[in-house]
Amino acid sequence: MKKFFTTAFLFTLAVAAFAADGGNNTGDLFKGQFLAHLSLAIAAAGCGLAQGKAVVAACEGIARNPQAAGNIRTTMIIGLALIEALVIYVLVAAFALH
C-alpha cells in the first residue's frame, strides 16, 4: 500500500511538472479544473479502499458471530454512508473550484 501511494504521489508531481505547455499556462496548472479532478480522484480512491475494508471487516464479524449479523450490518451501512458522504463533499468542493 505504501508503494501505491508513493507511486501515485510521484505520478502527480510528474504530471504537474510536465503538463505546462511552454510557459503559456504555467501558473494556471493548479487552478480550477486540474485540482478539482485530482482531488476527486484521490477521494474516490480513498473511498473505495475504505469501503472495501469496512465490508471485509463486517463479513469477518458476521462469520465469527452470526447472531450479531443485524447489528453489524446496520453499523456497516451507516459507516458506508458516512464514507460516501466524504466523496460527495469533495465533489461539491470541486464544483466550487470550477
Protein backbone atom coordinates (compact mmCIF):
# COMPACT_ATOMS: atom_id res chain seq x y z
CA MET A 1 0.00 0.00 0.00
CA LYS A 2 2.88 2.36 0.79
CA LYS A 3 4.35 1.75 -2.67
CA PHE A 4 0.98 2.55 -4.27
CA PHE A 5 0.67 5.92 -2.53
CA THR A 6 4.31 6.75 -3.26
CA THR A 7 3.82 5.92 -6.94
CA ALA A 8 0.59 7.93 -7.10
CA PHE A 9 2.28 10.93 -5.47
CA LEU A 10 5.25 10.79 -7.84
CA PHE A 11 2.92 10.46 -10.82
CA THR A 12 1.01 13.52 -9.67
CA LEU A 13 4.24 15.50 -9.38
CA ALA A 14 5.31 14.35 -12.84
CA VAL A 15 2.02 15.47 -14.35
CA ALA A 16 2.33 18.81 -12.61
CA ALA A 17 5.90 19.27 -13.83
CA PHE A 18 5.37 18.33 -17.47
CA ALA A 19 1.81 19.49 -18.11
CA ALA A 20 2.70 23.15 -18.68
CA ASP A 21 2.86 23.97 -22.37
CA GLY A 22 5.93 26.10 -22.87
CA GLY A 23 5.17 28.81 -20.35
CA ASN A 24 1.77 29.83 -21.72
CA ASN A 25 -0.27 28.31 -18.89
CA THR A 26 2.41 27.71 -16.28
CA GLY A 27 0.58 29.49 -13.46
CA ASP A 28 -2.81 28.01 -14.29
CA LEU A 29 -1.93 24.38 -13.59
CA PHE A 30 -3.19 24.15 -10.02
CA LYS A 31 -6.24 26.32 -10.57
CA GLY A 32 -9.72 25.12 -11.32
CA GLN A 33 -10.23 22.01 -13.34
CA PHE A 34 -6.96 20.13 -12.75
CA LEU A 35 -7.13 20.50 -8.98
CA ALA A 36 -10.81 19.55 -8.94
CA HIS A 37 -10.22 16.39 -10.95
CA LEU A 38 -7.19 15.42 -8.92
CA SER A 39 -8.91 15.86 -5.56
CA LEU A 40 -11.96 13.94 -6.76
CA ALA A 41 -9.78 11.07 -7.98
CA ILE A 42 -7.92 10.86 -4.67
CA ALA A 43 -11.18 10.98 -2.70
CA ALA A 44 -12.78 8.28 -4.84
CA ALA A 45 -9.76 6.01 -4.46
CA GLY A 46 -9.72 6.51 -0.69
CA CYS A 47 -13.46 5.90 -0.53
CA GLY A 48 -13.13 2.65 -2.45
CA LEU A 49 -10.36 1.41 -0.19
CA ALA A 50 -12.23 2.37 2.98
CA GLN A 51 -15.49 0.78 1.83
CA GLY A 52 -13.67 -2.41 0.91
CA LYS A 53 -12.04 -2.63 4.33
CA ALA A 54 -15.39 -1.95 6.03
CA VAL A 55 -17.18 -4.71 4.12
CA VAL A 56 -14.38 -7.20 4.76
CA ALA A 57 -14.43 -6.43 8.48
CA ALA A 58 -18.22 -6.75 8.60
CA CYS A 59 -18.14 -10.09 6.79
CA GLU A 60 -15.49 -11.41 9.18
CA GLY A 61 -17.52 -10.20 12.15
CA ILE A 62 -20.68 -11.88 10.88
CA ALA A 63 -18.75 -15.09 10.19
CA ARG A 64 -17.42 -15.16 13.75
CA ASN A 65 -20.68 -14.22 15.43
CA PRO A 66 -23.73 -14.91 13.23
CA GLN A 67 -26.17 -13.84 15.96
CA ALA A 68 -24.88 -10.26 15.76
CA ALA A 69 -25.37 -10.05 11.99
CA GLY A 70 -28.19 -7.48 12.22
CA ASN A 71 -26.24 -5.07 14.42
CA ILE A 72 -23.08 -5.46 12.36
CA ARG A 73 -24.96 -4.91 9.10
CA THR A 74 -26.68 -1.77 10.41
CA THR A 75 -23.43 -0.30 11.68
CA MET A 76 -21.69 -1.14 8.40
CA ILE A 77 -24.38 0.57 6.30
CA ILE A 78 -24.20 3.73 8.43
CA GLY A 79 -20.40 3.71 8.13
CA LEU A 80 -20.56 3.23 4.35
CA ALA A 81 -22.95 6.16 4.06
CA LEU A 82 -20.57 8.39 6.03
CA ILE A 83 -17.61 7.29 3.91
CA GLU A 84 -19.56 8.04 0.73
CA ALA A 85 -20.57 11.45 2.12
CA LEU A 86 -16.90 12.47 2.22
CA VAL A 87 -16.62 11.93 -1.53
CA ILE A 88 -19.77 13.98 -2.07
CA TYR A 89 -18.20 16.81 -0.05
CA VAL A 90 -15.15 16.70 -2.32
CA LEU A 91 -17.43 16.74 -5.36
CA VAL A 92 -19.17 19.88 -4.03
CA ALA A 93 -15.78 21.48 -3.39
CA ALA A 94 -14.67 20.55 -6.92
CA PHE A 95 -17.74 22.25 -8.36
CA ALA A 96 -16.98 25.30 -6.22
CA LEU A 97 -13.42 25.44 -7.63
CA HIS A 98 -14.59 25.08 -11.18
